């Protein structure tokens, strides 16, 4: 009876009924929480779009927000799936990390939103949880892979939003993040660029090639580069475009070392010097690093000004 009454309260958004049931049995929510995979009142409210009720339950039982139901979905997944935009916003206000919660097939709410082409939700997720851009599902597919597979080729709105975010990243590890996302390989070794070439998605390819961090010569598990795939589809225009960005056929990529060969090779003087520099800058505090950069900038400015002074010009 409690379960059915709770479900009815969640569907209708009846908060008074919720507390009546808690009065009758203070452990009513705990009993639900003890079940590993279950539709909690928060799940039911998420489907129904009952914002106030959902927030009340989330306040009483925060663990419900991370619980997956028998379909492997969290309340946030369900709110995205049912297009309850304002409920989605309220949930992530309370806990932004829920954007990265993995459900069925390793799909996060962000990846779910990308597959549903919900650009408003995608944009909000990036604002509250920017690190979610690196997440991938169990097949190794990140947001770009999923967008290329599901987006409309003519408009390419989702890919536009994703690349617009990636190219505007400004945080400390922005370049590394861009490199990780744009060159991520799925279970078949395909990057999003491979998929775009396979589907003749020119718009997506054009957008991704704007990234200076893109590696156009990655080989998939079939030992095919993007140029190879374009050639297989007899797409000369796309083949020429990728070649202009340094793209090559797989047979042309000779002499490249594997990771094991690289690690087993002798450390060069340049590599040793670079490693020491990186370790030094990594070990110092942010304040000291900024101070060093200011000093370097002042020295360069002083040298530049001295070179432009009348006295320095008379010497030549």
C-alpha atoms as a PDB file:
ATOM      1  CA  UNK A   1       0.000   0.000   0.000  1.00  0.00           C
ATOM      2  CA  UNK A   2       2.812   2.438   0.903  1.00  0.00           C
ATOM      3  CA  UNK A   3       4.531   1.884  -2.451  1.00  0.00           C
ATOM      4  CA  UNK A   4       1.353   2.521  -4.464  1.00  0.00           C
ATOM      5  CA  UNK A   5       0.481   5.546  -2.326  1.00  0.00           C
ATOM      6  CA  UNK A   6       3.979   6.976  -2.761  1.00  0.00           C
ATOM      7  CA  UNK A   7       3.752   6.460  -6.505  1.00  0.00           C
ATOM      8  CA  UNK A   8       0.409   8.253  -6.589  1.00  0.00           C
ATOM      9  CA  UNK A   9       1.814  11.129  -4.516  1.00  0.00           C
ATOM     10  CA  UNK A  10       4.827  11.443  -6.852  1.00  0.00           C
ATOM     11  CA  UNK A  11       2.700  11.392 -10.015  1.00  0.00           C
ATOM     12  CA  UNK A  12       0.375  14.093  -8.707  1.00  0.00           C
ATOM     13  CA  UNK A  13       3.070  16.069  -6.881  1.00  0.00           C
ATOM     14  CA  UNK A  14       1.220  15.750  -3.565  1.00  0.00           C
ATOM     15  CA  UNK A  15       3.801  16.690  -0.925  1.00  0.00           C
ATOM     16  CA  UNK A  16       1.251  16.565   1.919  1.00  0.00           C
ATOM     17  CA  UNK A  17       0.486  12.930   1.107  1.00  0.00           C
ATOM     18  CA  UNK A  18       4.224  12.199   1.104  1.00  0.00           C
ATOM     19  CA  UNK A  19       4.548  13.433   4.693  1.00  0.00           C
ATOM     20  CA  UNK A  20       1.398  11.594   5.771  1.00  0.00           C
ATOM     21  CA  UNK A  21       3.030   8.366   4.592  1.00  0.00           C
ATOM     22  CA  UNK A  22       6.244   9.265   6.432  1.00  0.00           C
ATOM     23  CA  UNK A  23       4.191   9.848   9.613  1.00  0.00           C
ATOM     24  CA  UNK A  24       2.682   6.396   9.222  1.00  0.00           C
ATOM     25  CA  UNK A  25       6.055   4.767   8.566  1.00  0.00           C
ATOM     26  CA  UNK A  26       9.253   6.780   9.174  1.00  0.00           C
ATOM     27  CA  UNK A  27      11.233   4.092   7.317  1.00  0.00           C
ATOM     28  CA  UNK A  28       9.141   4.183   4.154  1.00  0.00           C
ATOM     29  CA  UNK A  29      11.842   5.900   2.068  1.00  0.00           C
ATOM     30  CA  UNK A  30      14.640   3.808   3.593  1.00  0.00           C
ATOM     31  CA  UNK A  31      12.893   0.611   2.546  1.00  0.00           C
ATOM     32  CA  UNK A  32      12.922   1.794  -1.054  1.00  0.00           C
ATOM     33  CA  UNK A  33      16.547   2.875  -0.794  1.00  0.00           C
ATOM     34  CA  UNK A  34      17.545  -0.644   0.296  1.00  0.00           C
ATOM     35  CA  UNK A  35      16.436  -2.058  -3.064  1.00  0.00           C
ATOM     36  CA  UNK A  36      19.400  -1.999  -5.506  1.00  0.00           C
ATOM     37  CA  UNK A  37      17.479  -1.143  -8.686  1.00  0.00           C
ATOM     38  CA  UNK A  38      14.073   0.442  -8.258  1.00  0.00           C
ATOM     39  CA  UNK A  39      11.822   3.286  -9.386  1.00  0.00           C
ATOM     40  CA  UNK A  40      11.968   5.633  -6.408  1.00  0.00           C
ATOM     41  CA  UNK A  41       9.434   8.452  -5.860  1.00  0.00           C
ATOM     42  CA  UNK A  42      12.081  10.715  -7.434  1.00  0.00           C
ATOM     43  CA  UNK A  43      12.069   8.594 -10.604  1.00  0.00           C
ATOM     44  CA  UNK A  44       8.280   8.781 -10.769  1.00  0.00           C
ATOM     45  CA  UNK A  45       8.290  12.553 -10.208  1.00  0.00           C
ATOM     46  CA  UNK A  46      10.966  12.946 -12.899  1.00  0.00           C
ATOM     47  CA  UNK A  47       8.773  11.170 -15.464  1.00  0.00           C
ATOM     48  CA  UNK A  48       5.757  13.250 -14.446  1.00  0.00           C
ATOM     49  CA  UNK A  49       7.710  16.517 -14.389  1.00  0.00           C
ATOM     50  CA  UNK A  50       6.696  17.312 -10.795  1.00  0.00           C
ATOM     51  CA  UNK A  51       9.410  19.813  -9.879  1.00  0.00           C
ATOM     52  CA  UNK A  52       8.438  20.734  -6.293  1.00  0.00           C
ATOM     53  CA  UNK A  53       7.808  17.137  -5.289  1.00  0.00           C
ATOM     54  CA  UNK A  54      11.075  16.006  -6.874  1.00  0.00           C
ATOM     55  CA  UNK A  55      13.036  18.675  -5.012  1.00  0.00           C
ATOM     56  CA  UNK A  56      11.350  17.751  -1.731  1.00  0.00           C
ATOM     57  CA  UNK A  57      12.242  14.076  -2.132  1.00  0.00           C
ATOM     58  CA  UNK A  58      15.776  14.911  -3.271  1.00  0.00           C
ATOM     59  CA  UNK A  59      16.193  16.990  -0.116  1.00  0.00           C
ATOM     60  CA  UNK A  60      14.894  14.192   2.115  1.00  0.00           C
ATOM     61  CA  UNK A  61      16.745  11.392   0.348  1.00  0.00           C
ATOM     62  CA  UNK A  62      19.713  12.645  -1.750  1.00  0.00           C
ATOM     63  CA  UNK A  63      20.743   9.048  -2.484  1.00  0.00           C
ATOM     64  CA  UNK A  64      17.647   8.632  -4.694  1.00  0.00           C
ATOM     65  CA  UNK A  65      19.222  10.967  -7.272  1.00  0.00           C
ATOM     66  CA  UNK A  66      22.023   8.430  -7.869  1.00  0.00           C
ATOM     67  CA  UNK A  67      19.889   5.312  -7.810  1.00  0.00           C
ATOM     68  CA  UNK A  68      19.253   3.509 -11.097  1.00  0.00           C
ATOM     69  CA  UNK A  69      15.943   1.806 -11.809  1.00  0.00           C
ATOM     70  CA  UNK A  70      15.539  -1.638 -13.391  1.00  0.00           C
ATOM     71  CA  UNK A  71      16.108  -0.049 -16.817  1.00  0.00           C
ATOM     72  CA  UNK A  72      19.448   1.376 -15.688  1.00  0.00           C
ATOM     73  CA  UNK A  73      18.232   4.982 -15.609  1.00  0.00           C
ATOM     74  CA  UNK A  74      18.521   7.661 -12.945  1.00  0.00           C
ATOM     75  CA  UNK A  75      15.896  10.361 -12.273  1.00  0.00           C
ATOM     76  CA  UNK A  76      18.011  12.838 -14.296  1.00  0.00           C
ATOM     77  CA  UNK A  77      18.121  10.440 -17.268  1.00  0.00           C
ATOM     78  CA  UNK A  78      14.324  10.221 -17.127  1.00  0.00           C
ATOM     79  CA  UNK A  79      13.848  13.978 -16.829  1.00  0.00           C
ATOM     80  CA  UNK A  80      16.027  14.441 -19.945  1.00  0.00           C
ATOM     81  CA  UNK A  81      14.220  11.665 -21.802  1.00  0.00           C
ATOM     82  CA  UNK A  82      10.819  13.245 -21.083  1.00  0.00           C
ATOM     83  CA  UNK A  83      12.020  16.757 -21.977  1.00  0.00           C
ATOM     84  CA  UNK A  84      11.330  18.275 -18.550  1.00  0.00           C
ATOM     85  CA  UNK A  85      13.874  21.074 -19.010  1.00  0.00           C
ATOM     86  CA  UNK A  86      13.149  23.044 -15.826  1.00  0.00           C
ATOM     87  CA  UNK A  87      13.208  19.934 -13.666  1.00  0.00           C
ATOM     88  CA  UNK A  88      16.573  19.017 -15.217  1.00  0.00           C
ATOM     89  CA  UNK A  89      17.929  22.447 -14.231  1.00  0.00           C
ATOM     90  CA  UNK A  90      16.718  22.132 -10.640  1.00  0.00           C
ATOM     91  CA  UNK A  91      18.252  18.669 -10.226  1.00  0.00           C
ATOM     92  CA  UNK A  92      21.705  19.717 -11.474  1.00  0.00           C
ATOM     93  CA  UNK A  93      21.597  22.862  -9.322  1.00  0.00           C
ATOM     94  CA  UNK A  94      21.555  20.591  -6.297  1.00  0.00           C
ATOM     95  CA  UNK A  95      24.241  18.222  -7.593  1.00  0.00           C
ATOM     96  CA  UNK A  96      26.057  19.126 -10.851  1.00  0.00           C
ATOM     97  CA  UNK A  97      28.042  15.868 -10.754  1.00  0.00           C
ATOM     98  CA  UNK A  98      24.851  13.967 -11.658  1.00  0.00           C
ATOM     99  CA  UNK A  99      25.531  15.027 -15.258  1.00  0.00           C
ATOM    100  CA  UNK A 100      28.323  12.404 -15.255  1.00  0.00           C
ATOM    101  CA  UNK A 101      26.338   9.569 -13.643  1.00  0.00           C
ATOM    102  CA  UNK A 102      26.585   6.475 -15.847  1.00  0.00           C
ATOM    103  CA  UNK A 103      23.479   4.426 -16.469  1.00  0.00           C
ATOM    104  CA  UNK A 104      22.512   1.788 -19.015  1.00  0.00           C
ATOM    105  CA  UNK A 105      25.281   1.150 -21.601  1.00  0.00           C
ATOM    106  CA  UNK A 106      27.410   3.651 -19.652  1.00  0.00           C
ATOM    107  CA  UNK A 107      25.310   6.534 -20.945  1.00  0.00           C
ATOM    108  CA  UNK A 108      25.520   9.685 -18.841  1.00  0.00           C
ATOM    109  CA  UNK A 109      22.660  12.226 -18.828  1.00  0.00           C
ATOM    110  CA  UNK A 110      24.849  14.381 -21.114  1.00  0.00           C
ATOM    111  CA  UNK A 111      25.283  11.562 -23.639  1.00  0.00           C
ATOM    112  CA  UNK A 112      21.549  10.876 -23.290  1.00  0.00           C
ATOM    113  CA  UNK A 113      20.802  14.522 -24.133  1.00  0.00           C
ATOM    114  CA  UNK A 114      23.146  14.353 -27.150  1.00  0.00           C
ATOM    115  CA  UNK A 115      21.378  11.243 -28.442  1.00  0.00           C
ATOM    116  CA  UNK A 116      18.044  13.071 -28.009  1.00  0.00           C
ATOM    117  CA  UNK A 117      19.459  16.170 -29.805  1.00  0.00           C
ATOM    118  CA  UNK A 118      18.405  18.386 -26.879  1.00  0.00           C
ATOM    119  CA  UNK A 119      20.803  21.302 -27.405  1.00  0.00           C
ATOM    120  CA  UNK A 120      19.376  23.428 -24.581  1.00  0.00           C
ATOM    121  CA  UNK A 121      20.011  20.700 -22.020  1.00  0.00           C
ATOM    122  CA  UNK A 122      23.457  19.991 -23.501  1.00  0.00           C
ATOM    123  CA  UNK A 123      24.423  23.650 -23.140  1.00  0.00           C
ATOM    124  CA  UNK A 124      23.234  23.816 -19.528  1.00  0.00           C
ATOM    125  CA  UNK A 125      25.088  20.618 -18.666  1.00  0.00           C
ATOM    126  CA  UNK A 126      28.342  22.090 -19.981  1.00  0.00           C
ATOM    127  CA  UNK A 127      27.838  25.236 -17.901  1.00  0.00           C
ATOM    128  CA  UNK A 128      27.286  23.376 -14.631  1.00  0.00           C
ATOM    129  CA  UNK A 129      29.642  20.456 -15.295  1.00  0.00           C
ATOM    130  CA  UNK A 130      32.215  21.301 -18.008  1.00  0.00           C
ATOM    131  CA  UNK A 131      34.324  18.207 -17.286  1.00  0.00           C
ATOM    132  CA  UNK A 132      31.460  15.992 -18.543  1.00  0.00           C
ATOM    133  CA  UNK A 133      32.647  16.562 -22.140  1.00  0.00           C
ATOM    134  CA  UNK A 134      35.305  13.825 -21.712  1.00  0.00           C
ATOM    135  CA  UNK A 135      32.878  11.071 -20.668  1.00  0.00           C
ATOM    136  CA  UNK A 136      32.209   8.062 -22.895  1.00  0.00           C
ATOM    137  CA  UNK A 137      29.849   5.082 -22.820  1.00  0.00           C
ATOM    138  CA  UNK A 138      30.766   1.372 -22.629  1.00  0.00           C
ATOM    139  CA  UNK A 139      31.449   1.365 -26.384  1.00  0.00           C
ATOM    140  CA  UNK A 140      34.008   4.136 -26.024  1.00  0.00           C
ATOM    141  CA  UNK A 141      31.710   6.667 -27.704  1.00  0.00           C
ATOM    142  CA  UNK A 142      31.842  10.217 -26.410  1.00  0.00           C
ATOM    143  CA  UNK A 143      29.442  13.065 -27.151  1.00  0.00           C
ATOM    144  CA  UNK A 144      31.004  13.718 -30.578  1.00  0.00           C
ATOM    145  CA  UNK A 145      30.652  10.095 -31.695  1.00  0.00           C
ATOM    146  CA  UNK A 146      27.004  10.033 -30.655  1.00  0.00           C
ATOM    147  CA  UNK A 147      26.283  13.420 -32.237  1.00  0.00           C
ATOM    148  CA  UNK A 148      27.767  12.375 -35.599  1.00  0.00           C
ATOM    149  CA  UNK A 149      25.698   9.168 -35.540  1.00  0.00           C
ATOM    150  CA  UNK A 150      22.418  10.887 -34.639  1.00  0.00           C
ATOM    151  CA  UNK A 151      22.646  14.471 -35.901  1.00  0.00           C
ATOM    152  CA  UNK A 152      20.986  15.786 -39.023  1.00  0.00           C
ATOM    153  CA  UNK A 153      23.737  16.064 -41.654  1.00  0.00           C
ATOM    154  CA  UNK A 154      22.410  19.248 -43.236  1.00  0.00           C
ATOM    155  CA  UNK A 155      22.023  21.238 -40.053  1.00  0.00           C
ATOM    156  CA  UNK A 156      24.496  19.504 -37.754  1.00  0.00           C
ATOM    157  CA  UNK A 157      23.207  21.549 -34.818  1.00  0.00           C
ATOM    158  CA  UNK A 158      24.412  19.217 -32.062  1.00  0.00           C
ATOM    159  CA  UNK A 159      27.905  18.891 -33.552  1.00  0.00           C
ATOM    160  CA  UNK A 160      27.985  22.702 -33.848  1.00  0.00           C
ATOM    161  CA  UNK A 161      27.155  23.093 -30.159  1.00  0.00           C
ATOM    162  CA  UNK A 162      29.732  20.483 -29.096  1.00  0.00           C
ATOM    163  CA  UNK A 163      32.528  21.898 -31.243  1.00  0.00           C
ATOM    164  CA  UNK A 164      31.552  25.440 -30.209  1.00  0.00           C
ATOM    165  CA  UNK A 165      32.111  24.412 -26.586  1.00  0.00           C
ATOM    166  CA  UNK A 166      35.314  22.433 -27.253  1.00  0.00           C
ATOM    167  CA  UNK A 167      36.956  25.247 -29.239  1.00  0.00           C
ATOM    168  CA  UNK A 168      36.067  27.781 -26.519  1.00  0.00           C
ATOM    169  CA  UNK A 169      37.517  25.807 -23.603  1.00  0.00           C
ATOM    170  CA  UNK A 170      39.705  28.067 -21.464  1.00  0.00           C
ATOM    171  CA  UNK A 171      40.340  26.133 -18.267  1.00  0.00           C
ATOM    172  CA  UNK A 172      43.810  25.070 -17.127  1.00  0.00           C
ATOM    173  CA  UNK A 173      43.824  21.745 -19.029  1.00  0.00           C
ATOM    174  CA  UNK A 174      41.806  22.992 -22.025  1.00  0.00           C
ATOM    175  CA  UNK A 175      44.265  21.827 -24.692  1.00  0.00           C
ATOM    176  CA  UNK A 176      44.540  18.356 -23.167  1.00  0.00           C
ATOM    177  CA  UNK A 177      40.761  18.086 -22.911  1.00  0.00           C
ATOM    178  CA  UNK A 178      40.300  19.146 -26.531  1.00  0.00           C
ATOM    179  CA  UNK A 179      42.879  16.576 -27.640  1.00  0.00           C
ATOM    180  CA  UNK A 180      41.227  13.802 -25.613  1.00  0.00           C
ATOM    181  CA  UNK A 181      37.742  14.507 -26.908  1.00  0.00           C
ATOM    182  CA  UNK A 182      38.468  15.181 -30.584  1.00  0.00           C
ATOM    183  CA  UNK A 183      40.759  12.139 -30.932  1.00  0.00           C
ATOM    184  CA  UNK A 184      38.842   9.670 -28.758  1.00  0.00           C
ATOM    185  CA  UNK A 185      38.491   6.207 -30.332  1.00  0.00           C
ATOM    186  CA  UNK A 186      35.472   3.970 -29.855  1.00  0.00           C
ATOM    187  CA  UNK A 187      35.537   0.171 -29.493  1.00  0.00           C
ATOM    188  CA  UNK A 188      36.240  -0.153 -33.229  1.00  0.00           C
ATOM    189  CA  UNK A 189      39.085   2.347 -33.090  1.00  0.00           C
ATOM    190  CA  UNK A 190      37.075   5.029 -34.872  1.00  0.00           C
ATOM    191  CA  UNK A 191      37.290   8.693 -33.972  1.00  0.00           C
ATOM    192  CA  UNK A 192      34.293  10.936 -34.601  1.00  0.00           C
ATOM    193  CA  UNK A 193      36.094  12.044 -37.766  1.00  0.00           C
ATOM    194  CA  UNK A 194      36.202   8.434 -39.000  1.00  0.00           C
ATOM    195  CA  UNK A 195      32.436   8.187 -38.468  1.00  0.00           C
ATOM    196  CA  UNK A 196      31.799  11.472 -40.270  1.00  0.00           C
ATOM    197  CA  UNK A 197      33.850  10.229 -43.236  1.00  0.00           C
ATOM    198  CA  UNK A 198      31.967   6.903 -43.251  1.00  0.00           C
ATOM    199  CA  UNK A 199      28.613   8.694 -43.318  1.00  0.00           C
ATOM    200  CA  UNK A 200      29.785  11.358 -45.785  1.00  0.00           C
ATOM    201  CA  UNK A 201      28.916  13.991 -43.180  1.00  0.00           C
ATOM    202  CA  UNK A 202      30.735  16.989 -44.651  1.00  0.00           C
ATOM    203  CA  UNK A 203      29.337  19.478 -42.152  1.00  0.00           C
ATOM    204  CA  UNK A 204      30.620  17.501 -39.158  1.00  0.00           C
ATOM    205  CA  UNK A 205      34.014  16.987 -40.795  1.00  0.00           C
ATOM    206  CA  UNK A 206      34.347  20.695 -41.544  1.00  0.00           C
ATOM    207  CA  UNK A 207      33.556  21.610 -37.936  1.00  0.00           C
ATOM    208  CA  UNK A 208      35.953  19.063 -36.428  1.00  0.00           C
ATOM    209  CA  UNK A 209      38.800  19.994 -38.762  1.00  0.00           C
ATOM    210  CA  UNK A 210      38.730  23.476 -37.197  1.00  0.00           C
ATOM    211  CA  UNK A 211      40.404  21.984 -34.132  1.00  0.00           C
ATOM    212  CA  UNK A 212      44.179  22.419 -34.120  1.00  0.00           C
ATOM    213  CA  UNK A 213      44.416  19.337 -31.873  1.00  0.00           C
ATOM    214  CA  UNK A 214      42.771  16.890 -34.260  1.00  0.00           C
ATOM    215  CA  UNK A 215      44.853  13.933 -35.435  1.00  0.00           C
ATOM    216  CA  UNK A 216      43.681  13.076 -38.948  1.00  0.00           C
ATOM    217  CA  UNK A 217      46.019  10.097 -39.238  1.00  0.00           C
ATOM    218  CA  UNK A 218      44.664   7.865 -36.478  1.00  0.00           C
ATOM    219  CA  UNK A 219      44.090   4.307 -37.707  1.00  0.00           C
ATOM    220  CA  UNK A 220      41.035   2.323 -36.637  1.00  0.00           C
ATOM    221  CA  UNK A 221      41.011  -1.430 -35.939  1.00  0.00           C
ATOM    222  CA  UNK A 222      40.756  -2.097 -39.670  1.00  0.00           C
ATOM    223  CA  UNK A 223      43.976  -0.066 -40.132  1.00  0.00           C
ATOM    224  CA  UNK A 224      42.121   2.678 -41.994  1.00  0.00           C
ATOM    225  CA  UNK A 225      42.718   6.401 -41.689  1.00  0.00           C
ATOM    226  CA  UNK A 226      40.113   9.051 -42.476  1.00  0.00           C
ATOM    227  CA  UNK A 227      41.653   9.480 -45.940  1.00  0.00           C
ATOM    228  CA  UNK A 228      41.340   5.713 -46.527  1.00  0.00           C
ATOM    229  CA  UNK A 229      37.648   5.824 -45.604  1.00  0.00           C
ATOM    230  CA  UNK A 230      37.008   8.832 -47.845  1.00  0.00           C
ATOM    231  CA  UNK A 231      38.732   6.984 -50.711  1.00  0.00           C
ATOM    232  CA  UNK A 232      36.664   3.833 -50.081  1.00  0.00           C
ATOM    233  CA  UNK A 233      33.498   5.932 -50.410  1.00  0.00           C
ATOM    234  CA  UNK A 234      34.912   7.536 -53.570  1.00  0.00           C
ATOM    235  CA  UNK A 235      34.586  10.980 -51.987  1.00  0.00           C
ATOM    236  CA  UNK A 236      37.372  12.916 -53.687  1.00  0.00           C
ATOM    237  CA  UNK A 237      36.351  16.269 -52.217  1.00  0.00           C
ATOM    238  CA  UNK A 238      36.493  14.986 -48.653  1.00  0.00           C
ATOM    239  CA  UNK A 239      39.754  13.157 -49.357  1.00  0.00           C
ATOM    240  CA  UNK A 240      41.372  16.363 -50.638  1.00  0.00           C
ATOM    241  CA  UNK A 241      40.096  18.364 -47.662  1.00  0.00           C
ATOM    242  CA  UNK A 242      41.573  15.950 -45.104  1.00  0.00           C
ATOM    243  CA  UNK A 243      44.856  15.787 -47.027  1.00  0.00           C
ATOM    244  CA  UNK A 244      45.104  19.581 -46.769  1.00  0.00           C
ATOM    245  CA  UNK A 245      45.123  19.056 -42.984  1.00  0.00           C
ATOM    246  CA  UNK A 246      47.975  16.551 -43.231  1.00  0.00           C
ATOM    247  CA  UNK A 247      45.874  13.430 -43.780  1.00  0.00           C
ATOM    248  CA  UNK A 248      47.536  10.374 -45.319  1.00  0.00           C
ATOM    249  CA  UNK A 249      46.709   6.833 -46.397  1.00  0.00           C
ATOM    250  CA  UNK A 250      47.608   4.175 -43.826  1.00  0.00           C
ATOM    251  CA  UNK A 251      50.254   2.666 -46.130  1.00  0.00           C
ATOM    252  CA  UNK A 252      52.063   6.018 -46.081  1.00  0.00           C
ATOM    253  CA  UNK A 253      52.362   6.089 -42.304  1.00  0.00           C
ATOM    254  CA  UNK A 254      55.684   4.257 -42.036  1.00  0.00           C
ATOM    255  CA  UNK A 255      58.211   4.560 -39.279  1.00  0.00           C
ATOM    256  CA  UNK A 256      55.700   5.417 -36.540  1.00  0.00           C
ATOM    257  CA  UNK A 257      56.620   3.912 -33.188  1.00  0.00           C
ATOM    258  CA  UNK A 258      54.167   2.057 -30.989  1.00  0.00           C
ATOM    259  CA  UNK A 259      53.840   3.103 -27.341  1.00  0.00           C
ATOM    260  CA  UNK A 260      55.888   0.091 -26.183  1.00  0.00           C
ATOM    261  CA  UNK A 261      58.647   0.861 -28.711  1.00  0.00           C
ATOM    262  CA  UNK A 262      58.700   4.488 -27.616  1.00  0.00           C
ATOM    263  CA  UNK A 263      58.892   3.607 -23.909  1.00  0.00           C
ATOM    264  CA  UNK A 264      61.637   1.048 -24.571  1.00  0.00           C
ATOM    265  CA  UNK A 265      63.799   3.470 -26.546  1.00  0.00           C
ATOM    266  CA  UNK A 266      66.685   5.506 -25.181  1.00  0.00           C
ATOM    267  CA  UNK A 267      65.657   8.801 -23.598  1.00  0.00           C
ATOM    268  CA  UNK A 268      66.999  11.675 -25.694  1.00  0.00           C
ATOM    269  CA  UNK A 269      68.578  14.808 -24.221  1.00  0.00           C
ATOM    270  CA  UNK A 270      65.643  16.925 -25.453  1.00  0.00           C
ATOM    271  CA  UNK A 271      63.096  14.571 -23.866  1.00  0.00           C
ATOM    272  CA  UNK A 272      64.990  14.588 -20.574  1.00  0.00           C
ATOM    273  CA  UNK A 273      65.178  18.389 -20.557  1.00  0.00           C
ATOM    274  CA  UNK A 274      61.486  18.761 -21.391  1.00  0.00           C
ATOM    275  CA  UNK A 275      60.492  16.267 -18.690  1.00  0.00           C
ATOM    276  CA  UNK A 276      62.504  18.157 -16.050  1.00  0.00           C
ATOM    277  CA  UNK A 277      60.836  21.420 -17.043  1.00  0.00           C
ATOM    278  CA  UNK A 278      57.349  19.929 -16.896  1.00  0.00           C
ATOM    279  CA  UNK A 279      58.013  18.336 -13.509  1.00  0.00           C
ATOM    280  CA  UNK A 280      59.372  21.603 -12.143  1.00  0.00           C
ATOM    281  CA  UNK A 281      56.352  23.642 -13.210  1.00  0.00           C
ATOM    282  CA  UNK A 282      53.971  20.924 -11.994  1.00  0.00           C
ATOM    283  CA  UNK A 283      55.519  20.924  -8.533  1.00  0.00           C
ATOM    284  CA  UNK A 284      55.296  24.660  -7.841  1.00  0.00           C
ATOM    285  CA  UNK A 285      52.194  26.443  -6.586  1.00  0.00           C
ATOM    286  CA  UNK A 286      49.839  28.334  -8.868  1.00  0.00           C
ATOM    287  CA  UNK A 287      50.827  31.643  -7.220  1.00  0.00           C
ATOM    288  CA  UNK A 288      54.533  31.010  -7.758  1.00  0.00           C
ATOM    289  CA  UNK A 289      53.951  29.911 -11.355  1.00  0.00           C
ATOM    290  CA  UNK A 290      52.025  33.111 -12.093  1.00  0.00           C
ATOM    291  CA  UNK A 291      54.743  35.177 -10.441  1.00  0.00           C
ATOM    292  CA  UNK A 292      57.411  33.537 -12.623  1.00  0.00           C
ATOM    293  CA  UNK A 293      55.379  34.229 -15.743  1.00  0.00           C
ATOM    294  CA  UNK A 294      55.071  37.912 -14.735  1.00  0.00           C
ATOM    295  CA  UNK A 295      58.854  38.156 -14.206  1.00  0.00           C
ATOM    296  CA  UNK A 296      59.514  36.557 -17.603  1.00  0.00           C
ATOM    297  CA  UNK A 297      57.082  38.983 -19.248  1.00  0.00           C
ATOM    298  CA  UNK A 298      58.810  41.960 -17.588  1.00  0.00           C
ATOM    299  CA  UNK A 299      62.249  40.764 -18.748  1.00  0.00           C
ATOM    300  CA  UNK A 300      61.047  40.326 -22.328  1.00  0.00           C
ATOM    301  CA  UNK A 301      59.434  43.783 -22.263  1.00  0.00           C
ATOM    302  CA  UNK A 302      62.638  45.365 -20.904  1.00  0.00           C
ATOM    303  CA  UNK A 303      64.730  43.716 -23.638  1.00  0.00           C
ATOM    304  CA  UNK A 304      62.259  44.828 -26.301  1.00  0.00           C
ATOM    305  CA  UNK A 305      62.268  48.445 -25.075  1.00  0.00           C
ATOM    306  CA  UNK A 306      66.069  48.573 -24.823  1.00  0.00           C
ATOM    307  CA  UNK A 307      66.370  47.360 -28.415  1.00  0.00           C
ATOM    308  CA  UNK A 308      64.114  50.184 -29.555  1.00  0.00           C
ATOM    309  CA  UNK A 309      65.932  52.959 -27.602  1.00  0.00           C
ATOM    310  CA  UNK A 310      67.904  55.656 -29.520  1.00  0.00           C
ATOM    311  CA  UNK A 311      71.166  54.529 -27.897  1.00  0.00           C
ATOM    312  CA  UNK A 312      70.754  50.965 -29.148  1.00  0.00           C
ATOM    313  CA  UNK A 313      69.906  52.162 -32.658  1.00  0.00           C
ATOM    314  CA  UNK A 314      73.088  54.336 -32.801  1.00  0.00           C
ATOM    315  CA  UNK A 315      75.240  51.265 -32.237  1.00  0.00           C
ATOM    316  CA  UNK A 316      74.191  49.822 -35.617  1.00  0.00           C
END
